[in-house]
Amino acid sequence: MRIIGGSLRGRALAAPPGQSTRPTADRVRQAIFDMLIHAAWGGRALLDDAAVLDAFAGTGALGLEALSRGAGHATFMENHPAALAALRANVQKCRVEDRSRVIAADVLVAPPAPSPSRIVFLDPPYGRDLLPRAVAKLADGGWLASGTLIFAEIGRGEALPAMRLLSDRAHGAARIAVWRV
């Protein structure tokens, strides 16, 4: 697994051992950033100096990819100890500590946000229908604002929050849903 675009392109990322974490595949990450940059509702300017939240961060690949492509700051939220260790190692390896914050917390009990994020990446464990509850909790905690763009990678049959989708695409066993708050 590696960063696929931007200033950190080609940088290898650590992943925790075993099957406890499912890192976002390079091709799925590429599809997410292609949509973000090239879709009619997107654009490269959305990333410029943006505050992004990578919730259920795992290795941090989505937030690190955003930093590599011009985001100003990334907050990573993860609660699994092995994933947290890999995430912290990846932030150090990419030398983005000054533009990152790692929060060791369950997204479903997320702490209040210091300020809303412009872009939110959600990649909850498949098969547990966590997305609607996670979005509600993040909204209650001030992580989302009017205009926040949300990218969610979930299993194909999983529930989505009741919001108007900008995009909903299948990628193998994954589904990428995108909407604006």
C-alpha atoms as a PDB file:
ATOM      1  CA  MET A   1       0.000   0.000   0.000  1.00  0.00           C
ATOM      2  CA  ARG A   2       1.316   3.427  -0.946  1.00  0.00           C
ATOM      3  CA  ILE A   3       0.379   7.063  -1.518  1.00  0.00           C
ATOM      4  CA  ILE A   4      -0.762   7.260  -5.148  1.00  0.00           C
ATOM      5  CA  GLY A   5      -0.665  10.979  -5.945  1.00  0.00           C
ATOM      6  CA  GLY A   6       0.680  14.369  -4.955  1.00  0.00           C
ATOM      7  CA  SER A   7       3.826  15.386  -3.112  1.00  0.00           C
ATOM      8  CA  LEU A   8       4.087  12.087  -1.198  1.00  0.00           C
ATOM      9  CA  ARG A   9       3.413   9.883  -4.222  1.00  0.00           C
ATOM     10  CA  GLY A  10       5.027   6.466  -3.977  1.00  0.00           C
ATOM     11  CA  ARG A  11       5.522   6.610  -0.197  1.00  0.00           C
ATOM     12  CA  ALA A  12       4.911   3.129   1.249  1.00  0.00           C
ATOM     13  CA  LEU A  13       2.467   2.889   4.144  1.00  0.00           C
ATOM     14  CA  ALA A  14       2.561   0.447   7.047  1.00  0.00           C
ATOM     15  CA  ALA A  15      -0.474  -1.698   7.829  1.00  0.00           C
ATOM     16  CA  PRO A  16      -1.237  -3.579  11.028  1.00  0.00           C
ATOM     17  CA  PRO A  17      -0.644  -7.335  10.910  1.00  0.00           C
ATOM     18  CA  GLY A  18      -3.566  -9.717  10.513  1.00  0.00           C
ATOM     19  CA  GLN A  19      -7.090  -9.161   9.265  1.00  0.00           C
ATOM     20  CA  SER A  20      -8.344  -6.748  11.933  1.00  0.00           C
ATOM     21  CA  THR A  21      -7.991  -3.738   9.603  1.00  0.00           C
ATOM     22  CA  ARG A  22      -9.061  -3.542   5.959  1.00  0.00           C
ATOM     23  CA  PRO A  23      -6.984  -0.779   4.335  1.00  0.00           C
ATOM     24  CA  THR A  24      -8.591   1.044   1.415  1.00  0.00           C
ATOM     25  CA  ALA A  25      -7.221  -0.513  -1.764  1.00  0.00           C
ATOM     26  CA  ASP A  26      -5.100   1.733  -4.000  1.00  0.00           C
ATOM     27  CA  ARG A  27      -7.639   1.452  -6.846  1.00  0.00           C
ATOM     28  CA  VAL A  28     -10.533   2.459  -4.571  1.00  0.00           C
ATOM     29  CA  ARG A  29      -8.529   5.388  -3.196  1.00  0.00           C
ATOM     30  CA  GLN A  30      -7.726   6.417  -6.775  1.00  0.00           C
ATOM     31  CA  ALA A  31     -11.445   6.297  -7.622  1.00  0.00           C
ATOM     32  CA  ILE A  32     -12.285   8.459  -4.590  1.00  0.00           C
ATOM     33  CA  PHE A  33      -9.735  11.134  -5.483  1.00  0.00           C
ATOM     34  CA  ASP A  34     -10.652  11.018  -9.188  1.00  0.00           C
ATOM     35  CA  MET A  35     -14.252  11.771  -8.190  1.00  0.00           C
ATOM     36  CA  LEU A  36     -13.188  14.491  -5.768  1.00  0.00           C
ATOM     37  CA  ILE A  37     -11.057  16.254  -8.356  1.00  0.00           C
ATOM     38  CA  HIS A  38     -12.915  15.601 -11.627  1.00  0.00           C
ATOM     39  CA  ALA A  39     -16.641  15.266 -10.847  1.00  0.00           C
ATOM     40  CA  ALA A  40     -18.950  18.180 -11.683  1.00  0.00           C
ATOM     41  CA  TRP A  41     -19.633  18.620  -7.940  1.00  0.00           C
ATOM     42  CA  GLY A  42     -15.913  18.387  -7.058  1.00  0.00           C
ATOM     43  CA  GLY A  43     -12.753  20.161  -8.112  1.00  0.00           C
ATOM     44  CA  ARG A  44      -9.104  20.429  -7.129  1.00  0.00           C
ATOM     45  CA  ALA A  45      -9.833  23.660  -5.214  1.00  0.00           C
ATOM     46  CA  LEU A  46     -11.886  21.676  -2.672  1.00  0.00           C
ATOM     47  CA  LEU A  47      -8.658  20.085  -1.418  1.00  0.00           C
ATOM     48  CA  ASP A  48      -6.554  23.250  -1.314  1.00  0.00           C
ATOM     49  CA  ASP A  49      -5.736  23.904   2.354  1.00  0.00           C
ATOM     50  CA  ALA A  50      -8.830  21.918   3.371  1.00  0.00           C
ATOM     51  CA  ALA A  51      -9.366  20.498   6.830  1.00  0.00           C
ATOM     52  CA  VAL A  52     -10.156  16.812   6.350  1.00  0.00           C
ATOM     53  CA  LEU A  53     -11.332  14.124   8.744  1.00  0.00           C
ATOM     54  CA  ASP A  54     -10.350  10.495   8.177  1.00  0.00           C
ATOM     55  CA  ALA A  55     -12.717   8.615  10.509  1.00  0.00           C
ATOM     56  CA  PHE A  56     -12.309   4.872  11.043  1.00  0.00           C
ATOM     57  CA  ALA A  57      -8.865   5.846   9.751  1.00  0.00           C
ATOM     58  CA  GLY A  58      -7.069   2.507   9.969  1.00  0.00           C
ATOM     59  CA  THR A  59      -3.686   3.165   8.341  1.00  0.00           C
ATOM     60  CA  GLY A  60      -4.619   6.776   7.558  1.00  0.00           C
ATOM     61  CA  ALA A  61      -4.272   6.232   3.816  1.00  0.00           C
ATOM     62  CA  LEU A  62      -7.204   8.486   2.854  1.00  0.00           C
ATOM     63  CA  GLY A  63      -6.177  11.415   5.051  1.00  0.00           C
ATOM     64  CA  LEU A  64      -2.517  11.075   4.059  1.00  0.00           C
ATOM     65  CA  GLU A  65      -3.521  10.970   0.392  1.00  0.00           C
ATOM     66  CA  ALA A  66      -5.488  14.196   0.937  1.00  0.00           C
ATOM     67  CA  LEU A  67      -2.466  15.857   2.584  1.00  0.00           C
ATOM     68  CA  SER A  68      -0.279  14.693  -0.294  1.00  0.00           C
ATOM     69  CA  ARG A  69      -2.680  16.336  -2.737  1.00  0.00           C
ATOM     70  CA  GLY A  70      -2.909  19.711  -0.998  1.00  0.00           C
ATOM     71  CA  ALA A  71      -5.125  19.484   2.078  1.00  0.00           C
ATOM     72  CA  GLY A  72      -3.965  21.800   4.847  1.00  0.00           C
ATOM     73  CA  HIS A  73      -4.719  19.587   7.846  1.00  0.00           C
ATOM     74  CA  ALA A  74      -5.947  16.048   8.508  1.00  0.00           C
ATOM     75  CA  THR A  75      -7.519  14.699  11.655  1.00  0.00           C
ATOM     76  CA  PHE A  76      -7.446  10.924  11.985  1.00  0.00           C
ATOM     77  CA  MET A  77      -9.865   9.070  14.263  1.00  0.00           C
ATOM     78  CA  GLU A  78      -9.187   5.405  15.078  1.00  0.00           C
ATOM     79  CA  ASN A  79      -9.610   3.197  18.146  1.00  0.00           C
ATOM     80  CA  HIS A  80      -7.972  -0.141  17.263  1.00  0.00           C
ATOM     81  CA  PRO A  81      -4.531  -0.324  18.959  1.00  0.00           C
ATOM     82  CA  ALA A  82      -2.667  -2.018  16.081  1.00  0.00           C
ATOM     83  CA  ALA A  83      -4.211   0.342  13.525  1.00  0.00           C
ATOM     84  CA  LEU A  84      -3.323   3.332  15.724  1.00  0.00           C
ATOM     85  CA  ALA A  85       0.311   2.200  15.845  1.00  0.00           C
ATOM     86  CA  ALA A  86       0.433   1.865  12.036  1.00  0.00           C
ATOM     87  CA  LEU A  87      -1.359   5.210  11.612  1.00  0.00           C
ATOM     88  CA  ARG A  88       1.077   7.048  13.874  1.00  0.00           C
ATOM     89  CA  ALA A  89       4.026   5.406  12.087  1.00  0.00           C
ATOM     90  CA  ASN A  90       2.598   6.488   8.707  1.00  0.00           C
ATOM     91  CA  VAL A  91       2.128  10.094   9.843  1.00  0.00           C
ATOM     92  CA  GLN A  92       5.774  10.142  10.973  1.00  0.00           C
ATOM     93  CA  LYS A  93       7.019   8.379   7.840  1.00  0.00           C
ATOM     94  CA  CYS A  94       5.256  10.979   5.684  1.00  0.00           C
ATOM     95  CA  ARG A  95       6.600  13.794   7.899  1.00  0.00           C
ATOM     96  CA  VAL A  96       3.212  15.468   8.254  1.00  0.00           C
ATOM     97  CA  GLU A  97       3.017  15.654  12.056  1.00  0.00           C
ATOM     98  CA  ASP A  98       2.652  19.450  11.861  1.00  0.00           C
ATOM     99  CA  ARG A  99      -0.450  19.078   9.659  1.00  0.00           C
ATOM    100  CA  SER A 100      -2.020  16.091  11.425  1.00  0.00           C
ATOM    101  CA  ARG A 101      -3.855  15.174  14.580  1.00  0.00           C
ATOM    102  CA  VAL A 102      -4.435  11.554  15.621  1.00  0.00           C
ATOM    103  CA  ILE A 103      -7.376  10.979  17.951  1.00  0.00           C
ATOM    104  CA  ALA A 104      -7.558   7.591  19.676  1.00  0.00           C
ATOM    105  CA  ALA A 105     -11.341   7.321  19.846  1.00  0.00           C
ATOM    106  CA  ASP A 106     -14.296   5.349  18.585  1.00  0.00           C
ATOM    107  CA  VAL A 107     -16.108   7.398  15.944  1.00  0.00           C
ATOM    108  CA  LEU A 108     -19.425   6.523  17.613  1.00  0.00           C
ATOM    109  CA  VAL A 109     -18.274   8.371  20.750  1.00  0.00           C
ATOM    110  CA  ALA A 110     -16.227  11.029  18.965  1.00  0.00           C
ATOM    111  CA  PRO A 111     -15.039  14.041  20.939  1.00  0.00           C
ATOM    112  CA  PRO A 112     -16.312  17.499  19.934  1.00  0.00           C
ATOM    113  CA  ALA A 113     -14.604  19.004  16.899  1.00  0.00           C
ATOM    114  CA  PRO A 114     -12.380  22.058  17.237  1.00  0.00           C
ATOM    115  CA  SER A 115     -13.881  23.159  13.891  1.00  0.00           C
ATOM    116  CA  PRO A 116     -15.811  21.488  11.049  1.00  0.00           C
ATOM    117  CA  SER A 117     -14.057  19.587   8.270  1.00  0.00           C
ATOM    118  CA  ARG A 118     -14.492  20.466   4.596  1.00  0.00           C
ATOM    119  CA  ILE A 119     -14.033  16.826   3.521  1.00  0.00           C
ATOM    120  CA  VAL A 120     -14.788  13.692   5.564  1.00  0.00           C
ATOM    121  CA  PHE A 121     -13.669  10.170   4.701  1.00  0.00           C
ATOM    122  CA  LEU A 122     -15.535   7.333   6.434  1.00  0.00           C
ATOM    123  CA  ASP A 123     -14.391   3.727   6.089  1.00  0.00           C
ATOM    124  CA  PRO A 124     -16.175   1.770   8.833  1.00  0.00           C
ATOM    125  CA  PRO A 125     -15.823  -1.991   9.249  1.00  0.00           C
ATOM    126  CA  TYR A 126     -18.028  -3.784   6.722  1.00  0.00           C
ATOM    127  CA  GLY A 127     -21.184  -5.594   7.766  1.00  0.00           C
ATOM    128  CA  ARG A 128     -22.014  -3.609  10.899  1.00  0.00           C
ATOM    129  CA  ASP A 129     -24.150  -0.773   9.448  1.00  0.00           C
ATOM    130  CA  LEU A 130     -22.156   1.828  11.390  1.00  0.00           C
ATOM    131  CA  LEU A 131     -22.361   4.596   8.801  1.00  0.00           C
ATOM    132  CA  PRO A 132     -25.723   6.219   9.712  1.00  0.00           C
ATOM    133  CA  ARG A 133     -24.827   6.341  13.429  1.00  0.00           C
ATOM    134  CA  ALA A 134     -21.315   7.619  12.691  1.00  0.00           C
ATOM    135  CA  VAL A 135     -22.604  10.450  10.492  1.00  0.00           C
ATOM    136  CA  ALA A 136     -25.159  11.448  13.141  1.00  0.00           C
ATOM    137  CA  LYS A 137     -22.501  11.456  15.877  1.00  0.00           C
ATOM    138  CA  LEU A 138     -20.051  13.490  13.772  1.00  0.00           C
ATOM    139  CA  ALA A 139     -22.803  16.007  12.957  1.00  0.00           C
ATOM    140  CA  ASP A 140     -23.738  16.309  16.642  1.00  0.00           C
ATOM    141  CA  GLY A 141     -20.067  16.833  17.532  1.00  0.00           C
ATOM    142  CA  GLY A 142     -19.536  19.684  15.068  1.00  0.00           C
ATOM    143  CA  TRP A 143     -17.309  17.751  12.643  1.00  0.00           C
ATOM    144  CA  LEU A 144     -19.717  18.458   9.756  1.00  0.00           C
ATOM    145  CA  ALA A 145     -20.985  21.791   8.462  1.00  0.00           C
ATOM    146  CA  SER A 146     -23.171  22.903   5.606  1.00  0.00           C
ATOM    147  CA  GLY A 147     -21.219  22.059   2.470  1.00  0.00           C
ATOM    148  CA  THR A 148     -19.037  19.309   3.987  1.00  0.00           C
ATOM    149  CA  LEU A 149     -18.349  16.636   1.373  1.00  0.00           C
ATOM    150  CA  ILE A 150     -18.545  13.060   2.713  1.00  0.00           C
ATOM    151  CA  PHE A 151     -16.957  10.034   1.047  1.00  0.00           C
ATOM    152  CA  ALA A 152     -17.943   6.678   2.554  1.00  0.00           C
ATOM    153  CA  GLU A 153     -16.511   3.281   1.686  1.00  0.00           C
ATOM    154  CA  ILE A 154     -18.906   0.593   2.880  1.00  0.00           C
ATOM    155  CA  GLY A 155     -19.988  -2.926   1.963  1.00  0.00           C
ATOM    156  CA  ARG A 156     -22.377  -3.164  -0.982  1.00  0.00           C
ATOM    157  CA  GLY A 157     -25.532  -3.992   1.001  1.00  0.00           C
ATOM    158  CA  GLU A 158     -25.053  -1.577   3.878  1.00  0.00           C
ATOM    159  CA  ALA A 159     -27.377   1.226   4.919  1.00  0.00           C
ATOM    160  CA  LEU A 160     -26.710   4.855   4.040  1.00  0.00           C
ATOM    161  CA  PRO A 161     -27.842   7.951   5.937  1.00  0.00           C
ATOM    162  CA  ALA A 162     -30.966   9.593   4.521  1.00  0.00           C
ATOM    163  CA  MET A 163     -29.179  12.150   2.343  1.00  0.00           C
ATOM    164  CA  ARG A 164     -29.195  12.932  -1.367  1.00  0.00           C
ATOM    165  CA  LEU A 165     -26.241  11.144  -2.954  1.00  0.00           C
ATOM    166  CA  LEU A 166     -23.913  12.824  -5.422  1.00  0.00           C
ATOM    167  CA  SER A 167     -22.426   9.466  -6.393  1.00  0.00           C
ATOM    168  CA  ASP A 168     -22.855   5.796  -5.479  1.00  0.00           C
ATOM    169  CA  ARG A 169     -20.454   3.372  -7.177  1.00  0.00           C
ATOM    170  CA  ALA A 170     -19.512  -0.269  -6.658  1.00  0.00           C
ATOM    171  CA  HIS A 171     -15.844  -1.274  -6.589  1.00  0.00           C
ATOM    172  CA  GLY A 172     -15.591  -5.030  -6.029  1.00  0.00           C
ATOM    173  CA  ALA A 173     -16.992  -5.786  -2.564  1.00  0.00           C
ATOM    174  CA  ALA A 174     -16.854  -2.075  -1.738  1.00  0.00           C
ATOM    175  CA  ARG A 175     -19.316   0.694  -2.417  1.00  0.00           C
ATOM    176  CA  ILE A 176     -18.298   4.349  -2.496  1.00  0.00           C
ATOM    177  CA  ALA A 177     -21.092   6.754  -1.615  1.00  0.00           C
ATOM    178  CA  VAL A 178     -20.629  10.520  -1.775  1.00  0.00           C
ATOM    179  CA  TRP A 179     -22.882  13.304  -0.544  1.00  0.00           C
ATOM    180  CA  ARG A 180     -22.732  16.915   0.627  1.00  0.00           C
ATOM    181  CA  VAL A 181     -24.159  17.987   3.983  1.00  0.00           C
END
